[in-house]
Amino acid sequence: MKLEKKIQLKNVEHDRGVIERLVEENLTGKLDAYINKLDGEDTEGEIWLVVEKNKTNRFNGILNVSIDGKTFHYAREDYKSLVDLVNHLFDHLKEDLGKI
């Protein structure tokens, strides 16, 4: 499977390394079994994560995923912890992929 990852950051560019690590950990540790079920020779996927720090110094995030013609969208706001925000978004993706 070809899986393209896009990460867009607003006011959190200095945390890019942490966010990229969290995305990889979620994909390889939490979601690999679910994604492998959809894997095929011509299967393509895209993960687009947007993370921003809001005016109250908390984090907002949007996760858009498209795999094998299926699309998923998640948005969360006002998280104190960047780690919790990213993990929470991927938890919802895991739940939905488990239903397929």
C-alpha atoms as a PDB file:
ATOM      1  CA  MET A   1       0.000   0.000   0.000  1.00  0.00           C
ATOM      2  CA  LYS A   2       1.166   3.460  -0.824  1.00  0.00           C
ATOM      3  CA  LEU A   3       0.345   5.709   2.148  1.00  0.00           C
ATOM      4  CA  GLU A   4       1.058   9.408   1.771  1.00  0.00           C
ATOM      5  CA  LYS A   5       1.338  11.492   4.947  1.00  0.00           C
ATOM      6  CA  LYS A   6       0.849  15.254   5.056  1.00  0.00           C
ATOM      7  CA  ILE A   7       1.284  17.297   8.193  1.00  0.00           C
ATOM      8  CA  GLN A   8       0.331  20.951   8.356  1.00  0.00           C
ATOM      9  CA  LEU A   9       1.247  22.970  11.433  1.00  0.00           C
ATOM     10  CA  LYS A  10       0.064  26.397  12.568  1.00  0.00           C
ATOM     11  CA  ASN A  11       1.906  28.058  15.452  1.00  0.00           C
ATOM     12  CA  VAL A  12       3.504  24.731  16.469  1.00  0.00           C
ATOM     13  CA  GLU A  13       6.302  24.348  13.918  1.00  0.00           C
ATOM     14  CA  HIS A  14       8.824  23.807  16.732  1.00  0.00           C
ATOM     15  CA  ASP A  15       6.911  20.620  17.672  1.00  0.00           C
ATOM     16  CA  ARG A  16       7.113  19.077  14.172  1.00  0.00           C
ATOM     17  CA  GLY A  17       9.470  16.286  15.297  1.00  0.00           C
ATOM     18  CA  VAL A  18       7.180  15.270  18.144  1.00  0.00           C
ATOM     19  CA  ILE A  19       4.100  15.289  15.921  1.00  0.00           C
ATOM     20  CA  GLU A  20       5.804  13.249  13.181  1.00  0.00           C
ATOM     21  CA  ARG A  21       6.926  10.705  15.795  1.00  0.00           C
ATOM     22  CA  LEU A  22       3.394  10.457  17.208  1.00  0.00           C
ATOM     23  CA  VAL A  23       1.929   9.895  13.740  1.00  0.00           C
ATOM     24  CA  GLU A  24       4.436   7.110  13.028  1.00  0.00           C
ATOM     25  CA  GLU A  25       3.849   5.476  16.425  1.00  0.00           C
ATOM     26  CA  ASN A  26       0.102   5.499  15.878  1.00  0.00           C
ATOM     27  CA  LEU A  27       0.358   4.119  12.355  1.00  0.00           C
ATOM     28  CA  THR A  28       2.852   1.369  13.161  1.00  0.00           C
ATOM     29  CA  GLY A  29       1.750   0.477  16.668  1.00  0.00           C
ATOM     30  CA  LYS A  30      -1.935   1.175  16.915  1.00  0.00           C
ATOM     31  CA  LEU A  31      -3.247   0.951  13.358  1.00  0.00           C
ATOM     32  CA  ASP A  32      -0.947  -1.381  11.427  1.00  0.00           C
ATOM     33  CA  ALA A  33      -3.213  -4.420  11.753  1.00  0.00           C
ATOM     34  CA  TYR A  34      -6.267  -2.418  10.656  1.00  0.00           C
ATOM     35  CA  ILE A  35      -4.496  -0.810   7.706  1.00  0.00           C
ATOM     36  CA  ASN A  36      -3.018  -4.143   6.611  1.00  0.00           C
ATOM     37  CA  LYS A  37      -6.562  -5.526   6.207  1.00  0.00           C
ATOM     38  CA  LEU A  38      -7.129  -2.919   3.488  1.00  0.00           C
ATOM     39  CA  ASP A  39      -3.745  -3.464   1.850  1.00  0.00           C
ATOM     40  CA  GLY A  40      -3.632  -4.449  -1.797  1.00  0.00           C
ATOM     41  CA  GLU A  41      -1.292  -3.988  -4.728  1.00  0.00           C
ATOM     42  CA  ASP A  42      -3.063  -0.908  -6.028  1.00  0.00           C
ATOM     43  CA  THR A  43      -4.382   0.412  -2.714  1.00  0.00           C
ATOM     44  CA  GLU A  44      -3.527   4.032  -2.017  1.00  0.00           C
ATOM     45  CA  GLY A  45      -4.086   6.089   1.066  1.00  0.00           C
ATOM     46  CA  GLU A  46      -3.586   9.589   2.329  1.00  0.00           C
ATOM     47  CA  ILE A  47      -3.366  10.910   5.846  1.00  0.00           C
ATOM     48  CA  TRP A  48      -3.580  14.641   6.356  1.00  0.00           C
ATOM     49  CA  LEU A  49      -3.097  16.007   9.867  1.00  0.00           C
ATOM     50  CA  VAL A  50      -3.509  19.677  10.758  1.00  0.00           C
ATOM     51  CA  VAL A  51      -2.437  20.833  14.206  1.00  0.00           C
ATOM     52  CA  GLU A  52      -2.590  24.386  15.499  1.00  0.00           C
ATOM     53  CA  LYS A  53      -2.121  26.223  18.757  1.00  0.00           C
ATOM     54  CA  ASN A  54      -5.126  28.407  19.471  1.00  0.00           C
ATOM     55  CA  LYS A  55      -5.367  31.791  21.200  1.00  0.00           C
ATOM     56  CA  THR A  56      -5.586  30.166  24.635  1.00  0.00           C
ATOM     57  CA  ASN A  57      -2.324  28.208  24.081  1.00  0.00           C
ATOM     58  CA  ARG A  58      -4.193  24.949  23.648  1.00  0.00           C
ATOM     59  CA  PHE A  59      -4.181  22.637  20.646  1.00  0.00           C
ATOM     60  CA  ASN A  60      -6.733  22.020  17.898  1.00  0.00           C
ATOM     61  CA  GLY A  61      -6.436  19.213  15.385  1.00  0.00           C
ATOM     62  CA  ILE A  62      -8.014  17.815  12.254  1.00  0.00           C
ATOM     63  CA  LEU A  63      -7.311  14.364  10.853  1.00  0.00           C
ATOM     64  CA  ASN A  64      -8.517  13.495   7.343  1.00  0.00           C
ATOM     65  CA  VAL A  65      -7.847   9.986   6.085  1.00  0.00           C
ATOM     66  CA  SER A  66      -8.622   8.410   2.742  1.00  0.00           C
ATOM     67  CA  ILE A  67      -7.821   4.719   2.266  1.00  0.00           C
ATOM     68  CA  ASP A  68      -9.067   2.529  -0.554  1.00  0.00           C
ATOM     69  CA  GLY A  69     -11.916   4.925  -1.392  1.00  0.00           C
ATOM     70  CA  LYS A  70     -13.062   5.245   2.215  1.00  0.00           C
ATOM     71  CA  THR A  71     -12.794   8.645   3.892  1.00  0.00           C
ATOM     72  CA  PHE A  72     -12.665   9.546   7.549  1.00  0.00           C
ATOM     73  CA  HIS A  73     -12.723  12.982   9.192  1.00  0.00           C
ATOM     74  CA  TYR A  74     -12.034  13.870  12.815  1.00  0.00           C
ATOM     75  CA  ALA A  75     -11.692  17.275  14.486  1.00  0.00           C
ATOM     76  CA  ARG A  76     -10.958  18.104  18.112  1.00  0.00           C
ATOM     77  CA  GLU A  77     -10.380  21.420  19.855  1.00  0.00           C
ATOM     78  CA  ASP A  78      -8.906  22.886  23.001  1.00  0.00           C
ATOM     79  CA  TYR A  79      -6.563  20.106  24.134  1.00  0.00           C
ATOM     80  CA  LYS A  80      -3.999  20.999  26.768  1.00  0.00           C
ATOM     81  CA  SER A  81      -1.682  18.160  25.700  1.00  0.00           C
ATOM     82  CA  LEU A  82      -0.405  17.841  22.140  1.00  0.00           C
ATOM     83  CA  VAL A  83       0.258  14.128  22.693  1.00  0.00           C
ATOM     84  CA  ASP A  84      -3.300  13.518  23.901  1.00  0.00           C
ATOM     85  CA  LEU A  85      -4.742  15.382  20.905  1.00  0.00           C
ATOM     86  CA  VAL A  86      -2.854  13.378  18.277  1.00  0.00           C
ATOM     87  CA  ASN A  87      -3.424  10.053  20.023  1.00  0.00           C
ATOM     88  CA  HIS A  88      -7.135  10.807  20.472  1.00  0.00           C
ATOM     89  CA  LEU A  89      -7.593  11.567  16.770  1.00  0.00           C
ATOM     90  CA  PHE A  90      -5.957   8.260  15.831  1.00  0.00           C
ATOM     91  CA  ASP A  91      -8.016   6.395  18.466  1.00  0.00           C
ATOM     92  CA  HIS A  92     -11.158   7.442  16.599  1.00  0.00           C
ATOM     93  CA  LEU A  93      -9.652   6.290  13.311  1.00  0.00           C
ATOM     94  CA  LYS A  94      -8.798   2.924  14.862  1.00  0.00           C
ATOM     95  CA  GLU A  95     -12.376   2.534  16.087  1.00  0.00           C
ATOM     96  CA  ASP A  96     -13.804   3.259  12.641  1.00  0.00           C
ATOM     97  CA  LEU A  97     -11.314   1.007  10.824  1.00  0.00           C
ATOM     98  CA  GLY A  98     -12.290  -1.795  13.199  1.00  0.00           C
ATOM     99  CA  LYS A  99     -15.846  -1.598  11.884  1.00  0.00           C
ATOM    100  CA  ILE A 100     -14.775  -2.295   8.298  1.00  0.00           C
END
